Amino acid sequence: MSVLTALSKLYEKVMFDQIYEAFYWKLSPNLSGYLKGHSCCTALLKMTEDLRACLDRRETVAVVAVDLSKAFVIHCC
């Protein structure tokens, strides 16, 4: 690993920590992708719990799921 690569990773970590500290309180608690300790699993668990709670209250529930994974695939010739 080159020194430049190590320095860029360190710089990226420092910048992320500073930006995260400055803005984490403005982020929605429903956002899982960029919050520390959150993942796809936490997003699915939250959605499942919200769905269950709505069904328990006999509310109408609708879920729209969109898979964007193929939207960001880069094709090389």
Protein backbone atom coordinates (compact mmCIF):
# COMPACT_ATOMS: atom_id res chain seq x y z
CA MET A 1 0.00 0.00 0.00
CA SER A 2 1.41 3.39 -0.91
CA VAL A 3 1.69 6.29 1.50
CA LEU A 4 -0.70 8.32 -0.64
CA THR A 5 -3.38 5.64 -0.36
CA ALA A 6 -2.99 5.49 3.41
CA LEU A 7 -3.14 9.28 3.71
CA SER A 8 -6.24 9.49 1.54
CA LYS A 9 -8.00 6.86 3.67
CA LEU A 10 -7.06 8.72 6.84
CA TYR A 11 -8.28 12.02 5.33
CA GLU A 12 -11.55 10.37 4.26
CA LYS A 13 -12.12 9.02 7.80
CA VAL A 14 -11.41 12.40 9.42
CA MET A 15 -13.72 14.21 6.98
CA PHE A 16 -16.50 11.64 7.47
CA ASP A 17 -16.29 11.93 11.26
CA GLN A 18 -16.45 15.74 11.12
CA ILE A 19 -19.35 15.84 8.65
CA TYR A 20 -21.20 13.12 10.56
CA GLU A 21 -20.82 15.01 13.86
CA ALA A 22 -22.07 18.22 12.26
CA PHE A 23 -25.15 16.75 10.59
CA TYR A 24 -26.19 13.50 12.30
CA TRP A 25 -28.91 15.24 14.31
CA LYS A 26 -30.53 16.44 11.07
CA LEU A 27 -30.70 12.95 9.54
CA SER A 28 -33.95 11.03 9.70
CA PRO A 29 -33.95 8.08 12.09
CA ASN A 30 -35.46 6.10 9.19
CA LEU A 31 -32.28 6.55 7.15
CA SER A 32 -30.08 3.49 7.58
CA GLY A 33 -27.47 3.81 4.88
CA TYR A 34 -25.31 6.50 6.43
CA LEU A 35 -25.83 6.15 10.16
CA LYS A 36 -23.30 4.39 12.37
CA GLY A 37 -24.61 1.07 13.63
CA HIS A 38 -27.32 0.87 10.95
CA SER A 39 -27.54 -1.41 7.94
CA CYS A 40 -30.01 -3.03 5.58
CA CYS A 41 -30.98 -5.34 8.42
CA THR A 42 -31.92 -2.45 10.72
CA ALA A 43 -33.94 -0.85 7.92
CA LEU A 44 -35.82 -4.11 7.30
CA LEU A 45 -36.44 -4.61 11.02
CA LYS A 46 -37.80 -1.07 11.37
CA MET A 47 -40.06 -1.54 8.36
CA THR A 48 -41.31 -4.88 9.70
CA GLU A 49 -42.02 -3.43 13.13
CA ASP A 50 -43.83 -0.42 11.65
CA LEU A 51 -45.88 -2.75 9.43
CA ARG A 52 -46.78 -4.97 12.38
CA ALA A 53 -47.75 -1.99 14.55
CA CYS A 54 -50.02 -0.61 11.81
CA LEU A 55 -51.67 -3.99 11.32
CA ASP A 56 -52.20 -4.30 15.10
CA ARG A 57 -54.00 -0.92 15.02
CA ARG A 58 -56.01 -2.16 12.01
CA GLU A 59 -54.65 0.60 9.81
CA THR A 60 -54.33 0.32 6.04
CA VAL A 61 -50.75 -0.45 5.07
CA ALA A 62 -48.96 -0.20 1.74
CA VAL A 63 -45.33 -1.01 1.02
CA VAL A 64 -43.44 0.00 -2.09
CA ALA A 65 -40.10 -1.75 -2.56
CA VAL A 66 -37.70 -0.64 -5.27
CA ASP A 67 -34.49 -2.45 -6.17
CA LEU A 68 -32.03 0.12 -7.51
CA SER A 69 -29.02 -2.18 -7.59
CA LYS A 70 -29.04 -2.54 -11.39
CA ALA A 71 -29.41 1.21 -11.86
CA PHE A 72 -25.83 1.69 -10.70
CA VAL A 73 -24.10 -1.12 -12.57
CA ILE A 74 -21.33 0.08 -14.87
CA HIS A 75 -21.03 -1.89 -18.08
CA CYS A 76 -17.66 -2.09 -19.78
CA CYS A 77 -17.20 -2.85 -23.46
